[in-house]
PDB file of N, CA and C in Angstrom:
ATOM      1  N   MET A   1      39.698  45.804 -16.982  1.00  0.00           N
ATOM      2  CA  MET A   1      40.451  46.992 -17.333  1.00  0.00           C
ATOM      3  C   MET A   1      41.593  47.154 -16.329  1.00  0.00           C
ATOM      4  N   GLN A   2      42.743  47.623 -16.821  1.00  0.00           N
ATOM      5  CA  GLN A   2      43.919  47.791 -15.973  1.00  0.00           C
ATOM      6  C   GLN A   2      44.218  49.283 -15.799  1.00  0.00           C
ATOM      7  N   CYS A   3      44.565  49.683 -14.590  1.00  0.00           N
ATOM      8  CA  CYS A   3      44.878  51.070 -14.257  1.00  0.00           C
ATOM      9  C   CYS A   3      46.158  51.506 -14.968  1.00  0.00           C
ATOM     10  N   VAL A   4      46.125  52.688 -15.578  1.00  0.00           N
ATOM     11  CA  VAL A   4      47.313  53.194 -16.273  1.00  0.00           C
ATOM     12  C   VAL A   4      48.349  53.731 -15.290  1.00  0.00           C
ATOM     13  N   ARG A   5      47.948  54.087 -14.074  1.00  0.00           N
ATOM     14  CA  ARG A   5      48.890  54.623 -13.084  1.00  0.00           C
ATOM     15  C   ARG A   5      49.669  53.530 -12.372  1.00  0.00           C
ATOM     16  N   CYS A   6      48.947  52.517 -11.869  1.00  0.00           N
ATOM     17  CA  CYS A   6      49.617  51.520 -11.017  1.00  0.00           C
ATOM     18  C   CYS A   6      49.480  50.088 -11.535  1.00  0.00           C
ATOM     19  N   LYS A   7      48.788  49.904 -12.644  1.00  0.00           N
ATOM     20  CA  LYS A   7      48.537  48.577 -13.235  1.00  0.00           C
ATOM     21  C   LYS A   7      47.617  47.721 -12.365  1.00  0.00           C
ATOM     22  N   GLY A   8      46.899  48.361 -11.427  1.00  0.00           N
ATOM     23  CA  GLY A   8      45.949  47.658 -10.571  1.00  0.00           C
ATOM     24  C   GLY A   8      44.652  47.368 -11.311  1.00  0.00           C
ATOM     25  N   ARG A   9      43.729  46.749 -10.621  1.00  0.00           N
ATOM     26  CA  ARG A   9      42.458  46.357 -11.224  1.00  0.00           C
ATOM     27  C   ARG A   9      41.449  47.502 -11.146  1.00  0.00           C
ATOM     28  N   MET A  10      40.821  47.809 -12.278  1.00  0.00           N
ATOM     29  CA  MET A  10      39.780  48.827 -12.362  1.00  0.00           C
ATOM     30  C   MET A  10      38.423  48.134 -12.295  1.00  0.00           C
ATOM     31  N   VAL A  11      37.510  48.723 -11.541  1.00  0.00           N
ATOM     32  CA  VAL A  11      36.154  48.195 -11.439  1.00  0.00           C
ATOM     33  C   VAL A  11      35.169  49.285 -11.837  1.00  0.00           C
ATOM     34  N   THR A  12      34.022  48.868 -12.353  1.00  0.00           N
ATOM     35  CA  THR A  12      32.973  49.811 -12.707  1.00  0.00           C
ATOM     36  C   THR A  12      32.423  50.434 -11.434  1.00  0.00           C
ATOM     37  N   ASP A  13      32.215  51.740 -11.487  1.00  0.00           N
ATOM     38  CA  ASP A  13      31.666  52.463 -10.343  1.00  0.00           C
ATOM     39  C   ASP A  13      30.763  53.559 -10.889  1.00  0.00           C
ATOM     40  N   TYR A  14      29.936  54.125 -10.051  1.00  0.00           N
ATOM     41  CA  TYR A  14      29.052  55.214 -10.452  1.00  0.00           C
ATOM     42  C   TYR A  14      29.331  56.411  -9.570  1.00  0.00           C
ATOM     43  N   PHE A  15      29.406  57.575 -10.198  1.00  0.00           N
ATOM     44  CA  PHE A  15      29.770  58.796  -9.507  1.00  0.00           C
ATOM     45  C   PHE A  15      28.667  59.825  -9.681  1.00  0.00           C
ATOM     46  N   ILE A  16      28.489  60.667  -8.675  1.00  0.00           N
ATOM     47  CA  ILE A  16      27.509  61.751  -8.778  1.00  0.00           C
ATOM     48  C   ILE A  16      28.083  62.813  -9.694  1.00  0.00           C
ATOM     49  N   ASP A  17      27.296  63.220 -10.672  1.00  0.00           N
ATOM     50  CA  ASP A  17      27.724  64.224 -11.641  1.00  0.00           C
ATOM     51  C   ASP A  17      27.425  65.611 -11.080  1.00  0.00           C
ATOM     52  N   ILE A  18      28.417  66.250 -10.472  1.00  0.00           N
ATOM     53  CA  ILE A  18      28.189  67.561  -9.867  1.00  0.00           C
ATOM     54  C   ILE A  18      28.119  68.674 -10.903  1.00  0.00           C
ATOM     55  N   GLU A  19      28.524  68.391 -12.135  1.00  0.00           N
ATOM     56  CA  GLU A  19      28.437  69.390 -13.196  1.00  0.00           C
ATOM     57  C   GLU A  19      27.043  69.423 -13.816  1.00  0.00           C
ATOM     58  N   ASN A  20      26.192  68.481 -13.433  1.00  0.00           N
ATOM     59  CA  ASN A  20      24.801  68.429 -13.901  1.00  0.00           C
ATOM     60  C   ASN A  20      24.709  68.424 -15.425  1.00  0.00           C
ATOM     61  N   SER A  21      25.333  67.445 -16.048  1.00  0.00           N
ATOM     62  CA  SER A  21      25.294  67.336 -17.506  1.00  0.00           C
ATOM     63  C   SER A  21      24.046  66.614 -18.006  1.00  0.00           C
ATOM     64  N   GLY A  22      23.105  66.360 -17.132  1.00  0.00           N
ATOM     65  CA  GLY A  22      21.860  65.726 -17.537  1.00  0.00           C
ATOM     66  C   GLY A  22      21.615  64.406 -16.839  1.00  0.00           C
ATOM     67  N   GLU A  23      22.651  63.743 -16.400  1.00  0.00           N
ATOM     68  CA  GLU A  23      22.534  62.483 -15.676  1.00  0.00           C
ATOM     69  C   GLU A  23      22.980  62.694 -14.244  1.00  0.00           C
ATOM     70  N   LEU A  24      22.235  62.142 -13.289  1.00  0.00           N
ATOM     71  CA  LEU A  24      22.627  62.279 -11.897  1.00  0.00           C
ATOM     72  C   LEU A  24      23.808  61.370 -11.589  1.00  0.00           C
ATOM     73  N   TRP A  25      23.747  60.120 -12.038  1.00  0.00           N
ATOM     74  CA  TRP A  25      24.830  59.161 -11.794  1.00  0.00           C
ATOM     75  C   TRP A  25      25.587  58.937 -13.086  1.00  0.00           C
ATOM     76  N   MET A  26      26.901  59.078 -13.028  1.00  0.00           N
ATOM     77  CA  MET A  26      27.743  58.942 -14.189  1.00  0.00           C
ATOM     78  C   MET A  26      28.589  57.672 -14.041  1.00  0.00           C
ATOM     79  N   PRO A  27      28.535  56.758 -15.009  1.00  0.00           N
ATOM     80  CA  PRO A  27      29.357  55.550 -14.908  1.00  0.00           C
ATOM     81  C   PRO A  27      30.819  55.857 -15.187  1.00  0.00           C
ATOM     82  N   GLY A  28      31.686  55.100 -14.572  1.00  0.00           N
ATOM     83  CA  GLY A  28      33.120  55.257 -14.787  1.00  0.00           C
ATOM     84  C   GLY A  28      33.844  54.060 -14.203  1.00  0.00           C
ATOM     85  N   TRP A  29      35.159  54.180 -14.060  1.00  0.00           N
ATOM     86  CA  TRP A  29      35.971  53.105 -13.505  1.00  0.00           C
ATOM     87  C   TRP A  29      36.833  53.663 -12.378  1.00  0.00           C
ATOM     88  N   ARG A  30      37.044  52.855 -11.359  1.00  0.00           N
ATOM     89  CA  ARG A  30      37.867  53.239 -10.212  1.00  0.00           C
ATOM     90  C   ARG A  30      38.856  52.126  -9.933  1.00  0.00           C
ATOM     91  N   CYS A  31      40.115  52.504  -9.678  1.00  0.00           N
ATOM     92  CA  CYS A  31      41.156  51.525  -9.377  1.00  0.00           C
ATOM     93  C   CYS A  31      41.045  51.092  -7.922  1.00  0.00           C
ATOM     94  N   LEU A  32      41.080  49.792  -7.694  1.00  0.00           N
ATOM     95  CA  LEU A  32      41.003  49.263  -6.337  1.00  0.00           C
ATOM     96  C   LEU A  32      42.288  49.490  -5.553  1.00  0.00           C
ATOM     97  N   VAL A  33      43.408  49.738  -6.235  1.00  0.00           N
ATOM     98  CA  VAL A  33      44.704  49.892  -5.568  1.00  0.00           C
ATOM     99  C   VAL A  33      44.993  51.357  -5.245  1.00  0.00           C
ATOM    100  N   CYS A  34      44.981  52.228  -6.272  1.00  0.00           N
ATOM    101  CA  CYS A  34      45.399  53.627  -6.063  1.00  0.00           C
ATOM    102  C   CYS A  34      44.248  54.626  -6.047  1.00  0.00           C
ATOM    103  N   GLY A  35      43.042  54.211  -6.458  1.00  0.00           N
ATOM    104  CA  GLY A  35      41.893  55.110  -6.425  1.00  0.00           C
ATOM    105  C   GLY A  35      41.707  55.957  -7.663  1.00  0.00           C
ATOM    106  N   GLU A  36      42.529  55.762  -8.690  1.00  0.00           N
ATOM    107  CA  GLU A  36      42.390  56.510  -9.939  1.00  0.00           C
ATOM    108  C   GLU A  36      40.956  56.380 -10.453  1.00  0.00           C
ATOM    109  N   VAL A  37      40.377  57.494 -10.913  1.00  0.00           N
ATOM    110  CA  VAL A  37      39.017  57.508 -11.453  1.00  0.00           C
ATOM    111  C   VAL A  37      39.088  57.906 -12.916  1.00  0.00           C
ATOM    112  N   VAL A  38      38.387  57.155 -13.756  1.00  0.00           N
ATOM    113  CA  VAL A  38      38.335  57.429 -15.189  1.00  0.00           C
ATOM    114  C   VAL A  38      36.887  57.300 -15.635  1.00  0.00           C
ATOM    115  N   ASP A  39      36.431  58.262 -16.431  1.00  0.00           N
ATOM    116  CA  ASP A  39      35.111  58.175 -17.045  1.00  0.00           C
ATOM    117  C   ASP A  39      35.257  58.521 -18.522  1.00  0.00           C
ATOM    118  N   PRO A  40      34.210  58.384 -19.324  1.00  0.00           N
ATOM    119  CA  PRO A  40      34.346  58.645 -20.763  1.00  0.00           C
ATOM    120  C   PRO A  40      34.843  60.057 -21.086  1.00  0.00           C
ATOM    121  N   LEU A  41      34.436  61.065 -20.315  1.00  0.00           N
ATOM    122  CA  LEU A  41      34.886  62.428 -20.571  1.00  0.00           C
ATOM    123  C   LEU A  41      36.377  62.581 -20.294  1.00  0.00           C
ATOM    124  N   ILE A  42      36.857  61.989 -19.211  1.00  0.00           N
ATOM    125  CA  ILE A  42      38.289  62.029 -18.896  1.00  0.00           C
ATOM    126  C   ILE A  42      39.076  61.349 -20.012  1.00  0.00           C
ATOM    127  N   LEU A  43      38.599  60.209 -20.492  1.00  0.00           N
ATOM    128  CA  LEU A  43      39.293  59.498 -21.570  1.00  0.00           C
ATOM    129  C   LEU A  43      39.359  60.332 -22.846  1.00  0.00           C
ATOM    130  N   ARG A  44      38.262  61.029 -23.196  1.00  0.00           N
ATOM    131  CA  ARG A  44      38.262  61.886 -24.387  1.00  0.00           C
ATOM    132  C   ARG A  44      39.247  63.035 -24.233  1.00  0.00           C
ATOM    133  N   HIS A  45      39.275  63.667 -23.066  1.00  0.00           N
ATOM    134  CA  HIS A  45      40.206  64.774 -22.844  1.00  0.00           C
ATOM    135  C   HIS A  45      41.650  64.296 -22.934  1.00  0.00           C
ATOM    136  N   ARG A  46      41.927  63.135 -22.387  1.00  0.00           N
ATOM    137  CA  ARG A  46      43.289  62.595 -22.466  1.00  0.00           C
ATOM    138  C   ARG A  46      43.687  62.303 -23.902  1.00  0.00           C
ATOM    139  N   GLN A  47      42.757  61.784 -24.688  1.00  0.00           N
ATOM    140  CA  GLN A  47      43.054  61.490 -26.093  1.00  0.00           C
ATOM    141  C   GLN A  47      43.323  62.776 -26.854  1.00  0.00           C
ATOM    142  N   VAL A  48      42.529  63.805 -26.609  1.00  0.00           N
ATOM    143  CA  VAL A  48      42.726  65.088 -27.273  1.00  0.00           C
ATOM    144  C   VAL A  48      44.088  65.671 -26.894  1.00  0.00           C
ATOM    145  N   GLN A  49      44.431  65.617 -25.596  1.00  0.00           N
ATOM    146  CA  GLN A  49      45.722  66.133 -25.154  1.00  0.00           C
ATOM    147  C   GLN A  49      46.879  65.340 -25.752  1.00  0.00           C
ATOM    148  N   LYS A  50      46.695  64.050 -25.879  1.00  0.00           N
ATOM    149  CA  LYS A  50      47.729  63.198 -26.461  1.00  0.00           C
ATOM    150  C   LYS A  50      47.996  63.590 -27.913  1.00  0.00           C
ATOM    151  N   ASN A  51      46.957  64.016 -28.595  1.00  0.00           N
ATOM    152  CA  ASN A  51      47.077  64.423 -29.997  1.00  0.00           C
ATOM    153  C   ASN A  51      47.457  65.896 -30.140  1.00  0.00           C
ATOM    154  N   ASN A  52      47.765  66.576 -29.008  1.00  0.00           N
ATOM    155  CA  ASN A  52      48.157  67.984 -29.008  1.00  0.00           C
ATOM    156  C   ASN A  52      47.139  68.878 -29.700  1.00  0.00           C
ATOM    157  N   ALA A  53      45.888  68.650 -29.421  1.00  0.00           N
ATOM    158  CA  ALA A  53      44.830  69.453 -30.021  1.00  0.00           C
ATOM    159  C   ALA A  53      44.043  70.154 -28.916  1.00  0.00           C
ATOM    160  N   GLU A  54      43.276  71.154 -29.302  1.00  0.00           N
ATOM    161  CA  GLU A  54      42.411  71.822 -28.340  1.00  0.00           C
ATOM    162  C   GLU A  54      41.193  70.947 -28.082  1.00  0.00           C
ATOM    163  N   VAL A  55      40.619  71.107 -26.899  1.00  0.00           N
ATOM    164  CA  VAL A  55      39.417  70.366 -26.550  1.00  0.00           C
ATOM    165  C   VAL A  55      38.232  71.033 -27.238  1.00  0.00           C
ATOM    166  N   PRO A  56      37.547  70.327 -28.134  1.00  0.00           N
ATOM    167  CA  PRO A  56      36.390  70.936 -28.803  1.00  0.00           C
ATOM    168  C   PRO A  56      35.273  71.237 -27.811  1.00  0.00           C
ATOM    169  N   GLU A  57      34.492  72.246 -28.091  1.00  0.00           N
ATOM    170  CA  GLU A  57      33.402  72.674 -27.204  1.00  0.00           C
ATOM    171  C   GLU A  57      32.417  71.532 -26.953  1.00  0.00           C
ATOM    172  N   ALA A  58      32.180  70.686 -27.964  1.00  0.00           N
ATOM    173  CA  ALA A  58      31.218  69.594 -27.815  1.00  0.00           C
ATOM    174  C   ALA A  58      31.670  68.547 -26.805  1.00  0.00           C
ATOM    175  N   VAL A  59      32.966  68.490 -26.499  1.00  0.00           N
ATOM    176  CA  VAL A  59      33.497  67.488 -25.582  1.00  0.00           C
ATOM    177  C   VAL A  59      33.444  67.976 -24.138  1.00  0.00           C
ATOM    178  N   THR A  60      33.457  69.276 -23.939  1.00  0.00           N
ATOM    179  CA  THR A  60      33.474  69.821 -22.578  1.00  0.00           C
ATOM    180  C   THR A  60      32.086  69.810 -21.979  1.00  0.00           C
ATOM    181  N   ARG A  61      32.042  69.766 -20.674  1.00  0.00           N
ATOM    182  CA  ARG A  61      30.764  69.819 -19.983  1.00  0.00           C
ATOM    183  C   ARG A  61      30.234  71.244 -20.000  1.00  0.00           C
ATOM    184  N   PRO A  62      28.899  71.412 -19.974  1.00  0.00           N
ATOM    185  CA  PRO A  62      28.352  72.772 -19.956  1.00  0.00           C
ATOM    186  C   PRO A  62      28.727  73.494 -18.664  1.00  0.00           C
ATOM    187  N   LYS A  63      28.953  74.805 -18.787  1.00  0.00           N
ATOM    188  CA  LYS A  63      29.315  75.594 -17.622  1.00  0.00           C
ATOM    189  C   LYS A  63      28.075  75.845 -16.768  1.00  0.00           C
ATOM    190  N   ARG A  64      28.285  75.852 -15.437  1.00  0.00           N
ATOM    191  CA  ARG A  64      27.183  76.118 -14.520  1.00  0.00           C
ATOM    192  C   ARG A  64      27.004  77.613 -14.370  1.00  0.00           C
ATOM    193  N   LYS A  65      25.766  78.024 -14.119  1.00  0.00           N
ATOM    194  CA  LYS A  65      25.483  79.416 -13.839  1.00  0.00           C
ATOM    195  C   LYS A  65      25.870  79.700 -12.398  1.00  0.00           C
ATOM    196  N   THR A  66      26.512  80.830 -12.173  1.00  0.00           N
ATOM    197  CA  THR A  66      26.841  81.201 -10.804  1.00  0.00           C
ATOM    198  C   THR A  66      25.835  82.233 -10.319  1.00  0.00           C
ATOM    199  N   ILE A  67      25.422  82.084  -9.078  1.00  0.00           N
ATOM    200  CA  ILE A  67      24.461  82.996  -8.468  1.00  0.00           C
ATOM    201  C   ILE A  67      25.143  83.612  -7.259  1.00  0.00           C
ATOM    202  N   PRO A  68      25.256  84.941  -7.220  1.00  0.00           N
ATOM    203  CA  PRO A  68      25.881  85.600  -6.085  1.00  0.00           C
ATOM    204  C   PRO A  68      25.148  85.264  -4.792  1.00  0.00           C
ATOM    205  N   VAL A  69      25.903  85.185  -3.702  1.00  0.00           N
ATOM    206  CA  VAL A  69      25.319  84.902  -2.398  1.00  0.00           C
ATOM    207  C   VAL A  69      24.323  85.996  -2.049  1.00  0.00           C
ATOM    208  N   GLY A  70      23.144  85.602  -1.639  1.00  0.00           N
ATOM    209  CA  GLY A  70      22.108  86.563  -1.256  1.00  0.00           C
ATOM    210  C   GLY A  70      21.189  86.958  -2.397  1.00  0.00           C
ATOM    211  N   ALA A  71      21.515  86.606  -3.623  1.00  0.00           N
ATOM    212  CA  ALA A  71      20.659  86.947  -4.761  1.00  0.00           C
ATOM    213  C   ALA A  71      19.514  85.954  -4.864  1.00  0.00           C
ATOM    214  N   SER A  72      18.388  86.421  -5.337  1.00  0.00           N
ATOM    215  CA  SER A  72      17.236  85.522  -5.501  1.00  0.00           C
ATOM    216  C   SER A  72      17.420  84.712  -6.766  1.00  0.00           C
ATOM    217  N   ARG A  73      16.858  83.515  -6.783  1.00  0.00           N
ATOM    218  CA  ARG A  73      16.999  82.612  -7.930  1.00  0.00           C
ATOM    219  C   ARG A  73      15.860  82.789  -8.931  1.00  0.00           C
ATOM    220  N   GLY A  74      14.920  83.603  -8.641  1.00  0.00           N
ATOM    221  CA  GLY A  74      13.724  83.779  -9.473  1.00  0.00           C
ATOM    222  C   GLY A  74      13.985  84.408 -10.721  1.00  0.00           C
TER     223      GLY A  74
END
């Protein structure tokens, strides 16, 4: 795979999914030259934006619950 930013070489890499979409490690690609990161969700969002459409709810990651500082989690 070739990087769209710098035309460098993309390699498979695994990233920690901080949005907690169900998988701890998320596969993606990282450019060895410029560091660009691409995963399937980023590619879908770019395609939707390219087509000038809204991002459907099914494509977005689930929102995390926020807990105020000092509040109990129970």
